[in-house]
Amino acid sequence: MELKEHSSGDNHVEAIALIKKVTGDGAKFAKDLATLLGLKTESAYGSSAKKDIDVTRAQRAADHLIAAARDRVHG
């Protein structure tokens, strides 16, 4: 599904709401994006030592989004 719109603001909530509109797995994609953005915020403003579980969560969420993007590009 092509949304024909993009989030241009600095508000990550807008990007999450937009990706949620994707037909089929939009809610799952939104959850993965929210996970990544939450971890980004934590790492930017929190302690520099990240837990292994955070790295695992980030990798899993990123892998899901990358696989979905590849599926849509390559059919």
C-alpha atoms as a PDB file:
ATOM      1  CA  MET A   1       0.000   0.000   0.000  1.00  0.00           C
ATOM      2  CA  GLU A   2       1.302   3.416  -0.906  1.00  0.00           C
ATOM      3  CA  LEU A   3       0.234   6.109   1.539  1.00  0.00           C
ATOM      4  CA  LYS A   4       1.164   9.054  -0.709  1.00  0.00           C
ATOM      5  CA  GLU A   5       2.010  11.099   2.357  1.00  0.00           C
ATOM      6  CA  HIS A   6       4.865  11.346   4.805  1.00  0.00           C
ATOM      7  CA  SER A   7       5.546  12.696   8.235  1.00  0.00           C
ATOM      8  CA  SER A   8       7.538  15.885   7.904  1.00  0.00           C
ATOM      9  CA  GLY A   9       7.499  17.103  11.483  1.00  0.00           C
ATOM     10  CA  ASP A  10       9.765  16.419  14.408  1.00  0.00           C
ATOM     11  CA  ASN A  11       6.957  14.721  16.308  1.00  0.00           C
ATOM     12  CA  HIS A  12       7.578  10.983  16.246  1.00  0.00           C
ATOM     13  CA  VAL A  13       3.975  10.312  17.251  1.00  0.00           C
ATOM     14  CA  GLU A  14       2.919  11.562  13.807  1.00  0.00           C
ATOM     15  CA  ALA A  15       5.187   9.032  12.095  1.00  0.00           C
ATOM     16  CA  ILE A  16       3.842   6.228  14.268  1.00  0.00           C
ATOM     17  CA  ALA A  17       0.239   7.220  13.493  1.00  0.00           C
ATOM     18  CA  LEU A  18       1.036   7.385   9.786  1.00  0.00           C
ATOM     19  CA  ILE A  19       2.652   3.950   9.583  1.00  0.00           C
ATOM     20  CA  LYS A  20      -0.332   2.527  11.467  1.00  0.00           C
ATOM     21  CA  LYS A  21      -2.426   3.313   8.365  1.00  0.00           C
ATOM     22  CA  VAL A  22      -0.574   0.690   6.305  1.00  0.00           C
ATOM     23  CA  THR A  23      -3.033  -2.008   5.270  1.00  0.00           C
ATOM     24  CA  GLY A  24      -2.596  -5.359   6.957  1.00  0.00           C
ATOM     25  CA  ASP A  25       0.265  -5.113   9.415  1.00  0.00           C
ATOM     26  CA  GLY A  26       0.188  -1.362  10.071  1.00  0.00           C
ATOM     27  CA  ALA A  27      -0.417  -1.788  13.799  1.00  0.00           C
ATOM     28  CA  LYS A  28       2.542  -4.169  14.059  1.00  0.00           C
ATOM     29  CA  PHE A  29       4.760  -1.769  12.091  1.00  0.00           C
ATOM     30  CA  ALA A  30       3.667   1.103  14.334  1.00  0.00           C
ATOM     31  CA  LYS A  31       4.590  -0.932  17.412  1.00  0.00           C
ATOM     32  CA  ASP A  32       8.032  -1.721  15.972  1.00  0.00           C
ATOM     33  CA  LEU A  33       8.633   1.928  15.078  1.00  0.00           C
ATOM     34  CA  ALA A  34       7.487   3.031  18.539  1.00  0.00           C
ATOM     35  CA  THR A  35       9.929   0.547  20.077  1.00  0.00           C
ATOM     36  CA  LEU A  36      12.821   1.921  18.041  1.00  0.00           C
ATOM     37  CA  LEU A  37      11.931   5.540  18.697  1.00  0.00           C
ATOM     38  CA  GLY A  38      11.517   4.875  22.411  1.00  0.00           C
ATOM     39  CA  LEU A  39      14.928   3.249  22.593  1.00  0.00           C
ATOM     40  CA  LYS A  40      16.400   6.132  20.586  1.00  0.00           C
ATOM     41  CA  THR A  41      15.057   8.607  23.106  1.00  0.00           C
ATOM     42  CA  GLU A  42      16.323   6.528  26.031  1.00  0.00           C
ATOM     43  CA  SER A  43      19.797   6.274  24.536  1.00  0.00           C
ATOM     44  CA  ALA A  44      19.933   9.977  23.720  1.00  0.00           C
ATOM     45  CA  TYR A  45      18.871  11.170  27.154  1.00  0.00           C
ATOM     46  CA  GLY A  46      19.551   8.192  29.406  1.00  0.00           C
ATOM     47  CA  SER A  47      22.700   6.475  30.525  1.00  0.00           C
ATOM     48  CA  SER A  48      25.266   5.467  27.930  1.00  0.00           C
ATOM     49  CA  ALA A  49      25.247   1.851  29.093  1.00  0.00           C
ATOM     50  CA  LYS A  50      22.433   0.053  27.284  1.00  0.00           C
ATOM     51  CA  LYS A  51      21.122  -3.290  28.420  1.00  0.00           C
ATOM     52  CA  ASP A  52      21.470  -6.315  26.159  1.00  0.00           C
ATOM     53  CA  ILE A  53      17.698  -6.660  26.088  1.00  0.00           C
ATOM     54  CA  ASP A  54      17.389  -3.165  24.598  1.00  0.00           C
ATOM     55  CA  VAL A  55      19.783  -4.105  21.817  1.00  0.00           C
ATOM     56  CA  THR A  56      17.827  -7.290  21.162  1.00  0.00           C
ATOM     57  CA  ARG A  57      14.503  -5.407  21.117  1.00  0.00           C
ATOM     58  CA  ALA A  58      15.906  -2.793  18.761  1.00  0.00           C
ATOM     59  CA  GLN A  59      17.349  -5.406  16.409  1.00  0.00           C
ATOM     60  CA  ARG A  60      14.096  -7.365  16.334  1.00  0.00           C
ATOM     61  CA  ALA A  61      11.987  -4.260  15.632  1.00  0.00           C
ATOM     62  CA  ALA A  62      14.393  -3.059  12.939  1.00  0.00           C
ATOM     63  CA  ASP A  63      14.468  -6.496  11.305  1.00  0.00           C
ATOM     64  CA  HIS A  64      10.650  -6.552  11.138  1.00  0.00           C
ATOM     65  CA  LEU A  65      10.481  -3.119   9.510  1.00  0.00           C
ATOM     66  CA  ILE A  66      13.286  -3.856   7.041  1.00  0.00           C
ATOM     67  CA  ALA A  67      11.699  -7.167   6.013  1.00  0.00           C
ATOM     68  CA  ALA A  68       8.343  -5.446   5.487  1.00  0.00           C
ATOM     69  CA  ALA A  69       9.946  -2.726   3.376  1.00  0.00           C
ATOM     70  CA  ARG A  70      11.777  -5.308   1.262  1.00  0.00           C
ATOM     71  CA  ASP A  71       8.568  -7.288   0.743  1.00  0.00           C
ATOM     72  CA  ARG A  72       6.807  -4.185  -0.513  1.00  0.00           C
ATOM     73  CA  VAL A  73       9.645  -3.131  -2.803  1.00  0.00           C
ATOM     74  CA  HIS A  74      10.361  -6.562  -4.262  1.00  0.00           C
ATOM     75  CA  GLY A  75       6.798  -7.883  -4.134  1.00  0.00           C
END
